Amino acid sequence: MSLHIIKLCVGAETVEDLAQWQAKQMKKRGRPVCGTRMWPKRADDVLAGGSLYWVIKGVVIVRQRIVAIAEVRDDHGLRCGLWLDPKLVRVSPQKRRAFQGWRYLEPTDAPPDLSKRARSSLPEELQRKLVELGAW
């Protein structure tokens, strides 16, 4: 059974900010990676089709498939690395409170992917406002 991870995307205001940051990473590492302090105890479940769901400014708005979990050295030293598929998949916006670190996210609780039509029809900021108002 697959299992997802959810994490705050600190420092990003939009999905485009995340994409730009990861483009720089890919030049150095060949693939985006998210370094974390804690290793998932359920790594096999995460690697069985799990994704990293990013919370940007209080809203889950995008995900990336986790392709590997291995050590990574970053600005904080040697840590757990969640190695990601470079493709950013937009999901139906879902409000989420701030939390420390990362959390497991059961597939039944994960927001569904947005259709191509829904992605192109509304700007990200408007989607975020609709979620805040409870209208999405």
C-alpha atoms as a PDB file:
ATOM      1  CA  MET A   1       0.000   0.000   0.000  1.00  0.00           C
ATOM      2  CA  SER A   2       1.376   3.392  -0.913  1.00  0.00           C
ATOM      3  CA  LEU A   3       1.733   6.206   1.586  1.00  0.00           C
ATOM      4  CA  HIS A   4       2.388   9.892   0.965  1.00  0.00           C
ATOM      5  CA  ILE A   5       4.328  12.574   2.837  1.00  0.00           C
ATOM      6  CA  ILE A   6       3.188  16.156   3.360  1.00  0.00           C
ATOM      7  CA  LYS A   7       5.625  18.993   4.075  1.00  0.00           C
ATOM      8  CA  LEU A   8       5.642  22.780   4.237  1.00  0.00           C
ATOM      9  CA  CYS A   9       7.405  24.480   1.343  1.00  0.00           C
ATOM     10  CA  VAL A  10       9.207  27.163   3.344  1.00  0.00           C
ATOM     11  CA  GLY A  11      10.316  30.204   1.389  1.00  0.00           C
ATOM     12  CA  ALA A  12       8.114  29.627  -1.662  1.00  0.00           C
ATOM     13  CA  GLU A  13       5.181  31.914  -2.402  1.00  0.00           C
ATOM     14  CA  THR A  14       3.991  30.015  -5.499  1.00  0.00           C
ATOM     15  CA  VAL A  15       4.451  26.746  -7.356  1.00  0.00           C
ATOM     16  CA  GLU A  16       6.626  28.675  -9.803  1.00  0.00           C
ATOM     17  CA  ASP A  17       8.987  29.611  -6.929  1.00  0.00           C
ATOM     18  CA  LEU A  18       9.290  25.912  -6.070  1.00  0.00           C
ATOM     19  CA  ALA A  19       9.949  25.056  -9.730  1.00  0.00           C
ATOM     20  CA  GLN A  20      12.717  27.681  -9.980  1.00  0.00           C
ATOM     21  CA  TRP A  21      14.393  26.472  -6.784  1.00  0.00           C
ATOM     22  CA  GLN A  22      14.265  22.880  -8.006  1.00  0.00           C
ATOM     23  CA  ALA A  23      15.637  23.826 -11.440  1.00  0.00           C
ATOM     24  CA  LYS A  24      18.770  25.087  -9.665  1.00  0.00           C
ATOM     25  CA  GLN A  25      18.962  21.818  -7.718  1.00  0.00           C
ATOM     26  CA  MET A  26      18.683  19.736 -10.867  1.00  0.00           C
ATOM     27  CA  LYS A  27      21.701  21.484 -12.343  1.00  0.00           C
ATOM     28  CA  LYS A  28      23.766  20.347  -9.333  1.00  0.00           C
ATOM     29  CA  ARG A  29      22.188  16.973  -8.521  1.00  0.00           C
ATOM     30  CA  GLY A  30      20.298  15.909 -11.650  1.00  0.00           C
ATOM     31  CA  ARG A  31      17.043  15.524  -9.720  1.00  0.00           C
ATOM     32  CA  PRO A  32      15.169  17.552  -7.091  1.00  0.00           C
ATOM     33  CA  VAL A  33      15.669  16.454  -3.505  1.00  0.00           C
ATOM     34  CA  CYS A  34      14.075  17.545  -0.245  1.00  0.00           C
ATOM     35  CA  GLY A  35      16.393  17.160   2.746  1.00  0.00           C
ATOM     36  CA  THR A  36      14.778  16.361   6.092  1.00  0.00           C
ATOM     37  CA  ARG A  37      16.065  15.644   9.570  1.00  0.00           C
ATOM     38  CA  MET A  38      13.905  12.568  10.212  1.00  0.00           C
ATOM     39  CA  TRP A  39      13.924   9.347   8.173  1.00  0.00           C
ATOM     40  CA  PRO A  40      10.527   7.786   7.393  1.00  0.00           C
ATOM     41  CA  LYS A  41      10.076   4.529   9.292  1.00  0.00           C
ATOM     42  CA  ARG A  42       7.582   3.461   6.636  1.00  0.00           C
ATOM     43  CA  ALA A  43       9.952   4.090   3.721  1.00  0.00           C
ATOM     44  CA  ASP A  44       8.860   0.959   1.825  1.00  0.00           C
ATOM     45  CA  ASP A  45       5.253   2.194   1.827  1.00  0.00           C
ATOM     46  CA  VAL A  46       6.326   5.667   0.678  1.00  0.00           C
ATOM     47  CA  LEU A  47       8.414   4.197  -2.159  1.00  0.00           C
ATOM     48  CA  ALA A  48       5.453   2.070  -3.298  1.00  0.00           C
ATOM     49  CA  GLY A  49       3.976   4.984  -5.272  1.00  0.00           C
ATOM     50  CA  GLY A  50       3.969   7.759  -2.662  1.00  0.00           C
ATOM     51  CA  SER A  51       4.270  11.471  -3.373  1.00  0.00           C
ATOM     52  CA  LEU A  52       5.487  14.509  -1.479  1.00  0.00           C
ATOM     53  CA  TYR A  53       2.584  16.951  -1.123  1.00  0.00           C
ATOM     54  CA  TRP A  54       3.811  20.538  -0.755  1.00  0.00           C
ATOM     55  CA  VAL A  55       1.997  23.079   1.445  1.00  0.00           C
ATOM     56  CA  ILE A  56       2.601  26.559   0.030  1.00  0.00           C
ATOM     57  CA  LYS A  57       1.305  29.511   2.061  1.00  0.00           C
ATOM     58  CA  GLY A  58      -1.121  27.341   4.027  1.00  0.00           C
ATOM     59  CA  VAL A  59      -2.532  25.409   1.060  1.00  0.00           C
ATOM     60  CA  VAL A  60      -1.637  21.977  -0.339  1.00  0.00           C
ATOM     61  CA  ILE A  61      -1.392  22.822  -4.027  1.00  0.00           C
ATOM     62  CA  VAL A  62       1.182  20.569  -5.708  1.00  0.00           C
ATOM     63  CA  ARG A  63       2.801  17.146  -5.366  1.00  0.00           C
ATOM     64  CA  GLN A  64       5.808  15.255  -6.665  1.00  0.00           C
ATOM     65  CA  ARG A  65       6.332  11.501  -6.775  1.00  0.00           C
ATOM     66  CA  ILE A  66       9.030  10.260  -4.387  1.00  0.00           C
ATOM     67  CA  VAL A  67      11.438   8.087  -6.385  1.00  0.00           C
ATOM     68  CA  ALA A  68      14.076   7.335  -3.735  1.00  0.00           C
ATOM     69  CA  ILE A  69      14.969   7.900  -0.104  1.00  0.00           C
ATOM     70  CA  ALA A  70      18.705   8.216   0.441  1.00  0.00           C
ATOM     71  CA  GLU A  71      21.231  10.406   2.244  1.00  0.00           C
ATOM     72  CA  VAL A  72      21.839  13.907   0.963  1.00  0.00           C
ATOM     73  CA  ARG A  73      24.320  16.554   2.026  1.00  0.00           C
ATOM     74  CA  ASP A  74      22.875  20.064   2.073  1.00  0.00           C
ATOM     75  CA  ASP A  75      23.383  23.340   3.958  1.00  0.00           C
ATOM     76  CA  HIS A  76      22.403  21.520   7.181  1.00  0.00           C
ATOM     77  CA  GLY A  77      24.829  18.596   6.787  1.00  0.00           C
ATOM     78  CA  LEU A  78      24.112  14.943   6.066  1.00  0.00           C
ATOM     79  CA  ARG A  79      20.357  14.263   6.185  1.00  0.00           C
ATOM     80  CA  CYS A  80      17.571  12.116   4.836  1.00  0.00           C
ATOM     81  CA  GLY A  81      16.876  12.997   1.210  1.00  0.00           C
ATOM     82  CA  LEU A  82      13.489  12.556  -0.407  1.00  0.00           C
ATOM     83  CA  TRP A  83      14.505  12.313  -4.077  1.00  0.00           C
ATOM     84  CA  LEU A  84      11.682  13.535  -6.292  1.00  0.00           C
ATOM     85  CA  ASP A  85      10.381  13.191  -9.815  1.00  0.00           C
ATOM     86  CA  PRO A  86      10.907  16.623 -11.422  1.00  0.00           C
ATOM     87  CA  LYS A  87       7.291  16.765 -12.629  1.00  0.00           C
ATOM     88  CA  LEU A  88       5.142  19.059 -10.479  1.00  0.00           C
ATOM     89  CA  VAL A  89       1.532  17.827 -10.412  1.00  0.00           C
ATOM     90  CA  ARG A  90      -1.046  20.379  -9.314  1.00  0.00           C
ATOM     91  CA  VAL A  91      -3.700  19.104  -6.936  1.00  0.00           C
ATOM     92  CA  SER A  92      -7.063  20.369  -5.811  1.00  0.00           C
ATOM     93  CA  PRO A  93      -6.174  23.062  -3.244  1.00  0.00           C
ATOM     94  CA  GLN A  94      -6.638  21.990   0.373  1.00  0.00           C
ATOM     95  CA  LYS A  95      -6.136  24.276   3.380  1.00  0.00           C
ATOM     96  CA  ARG A  96      -3.552  23.022   5.892  1.00  0.00           C
ATOM     97  CA  ARG A  97      -2.262  24.507   9.151  1.00  0.00           C
ATOM     98  CA  ALA A  98       1.455  24.939   9.731  1.00  0.00           C
ATOM     99  CA  PHE A  99       3.364  22.070  11.359  1.00  0.00           C
ATOM    100  CA  GLN A 100       6.962  21.107  12.059  1.00  0.00           C
ATOM    101  CA  GLY A 101       8.862  18.720   9.811  1.00  0.00           C
ATOM    102  CA  TRP A 102       6.762  16.388   7.680  1.00  0.00           C
ATOM    103  CA  ARG A 103       3.814  14.070   8.242  1.00  0.00           C
ATOM    104  CA  TYR A 104       2.514  10.909   6.628  1.00  0.00           C
ATOM    105  CA  LEU A 105      -0.531  11.449   4.433  1.00  0.00           C
ATOM    106  CA  GLU A 106      -2.869   8.535   3.795  1.00  0.00           C
ATOM    107  CA  PRO A 107      -4.022   8.189   0.162  1.00  0.00           C
ATOM    108  CA  THR A 108      -7.639   8.657   1.279  1.00  0.00           C
ATOM    109  CA  ASP A 109      -6.734  12.078   2.772  1.00  0.00           C
ATOM    110  CA  ALA A 110      -4.656  13.287  -0.196  1.00  0.00           C
ATOM    111  CA  PRO A 111      -6.223  15.910  -2.450  1.00  0.00           C
ATOM    112  CA  PRO A 112      -6.925  14.674  -5.996  1.00  0.00           C
ATOM    113  CA  ASP A 113      -4.925  15.858  -8.978  1.00  0.00           C
ATOM    114  CA  LEU A 114      -6.435  18.798 -10.852  1.00  0.00           C
ATOM    115  CA  SER A 115      -7.568  18.246 -14.410  1.00  0.00           C
ATOM    116  CA  LYS A 116      -5.697  20.159 -17.098  1.00  0.00           C
ATOM    117  CA  ARG A 117      -8.751  22.387 -17.627  1.00  0.00           C
ATOM    118  CA  ALA A 118      -9.026  23.270 -13.916  1.00  0.00           C
ATOM    119  CA  ARG A 119      -5.291  24.037 -13.717  1.00  0.00           C
ATOM    120  CA  SER A 120      -5.401  26.569 -16.505  1.00  0.00           C
ATOM    121  CA  SER A 121      -8.671  28.260 -15.574  1.00  0.00           C
ATOM    122  CA  LEU A 122      -7.810  29.947 -12.243  1.00  0.00           C
ATOM    123  CA  PRO A 123      -4.656  31.724 -11.066  1.00  0.00           C
ATOM    124  CA  GLU A 124      -2.942  30.180  -8.031  1.00  0.00           C
ATOM    125  CA  GLU A 125      -3.626  33.206  -5.819  1.00  0.00           C
ATOM    126  CA  LEU A 126      -7.359  33.045  -6.607  1.00  0.00           C
ATOM    127  CA  GLN A 127      -7.398  29.301  -5.836  1.00  0.00           C
ATOM    128  CA  ARG A 128      -5.725  30.028  -2.482  1.00  0.00           C
ATOM    129  CA  LYS A 129      -8.307  32.742  -1.641  1.00  0.00           C
ATOM    130  CA  LEU A 130     -11.198  30.399  -2.504  1.00  0.00           C
ATOM    131  CA  VAL A 131      -9.743  27.757  -0.198  1.00  0.00           C
ATOM    132  CA  GLU A 132      -9.320  30.317   2.617  1.00  0.00           C
ATOM    133  CA  LEU A 133     -12.963  31.353   2.208  1.00  0.00           C
ATOM    134  CA  GLY A 134     -14.103  27.723   2.216  1.00  0.00           C
ATOM    135  CA  ALA A 135     -15.458  27.987  -1.326  1.00  0.00           C
ATOM    136  CA  TRP A 136     -13.181  25.309  -2.815  1.00  0.00           C
END
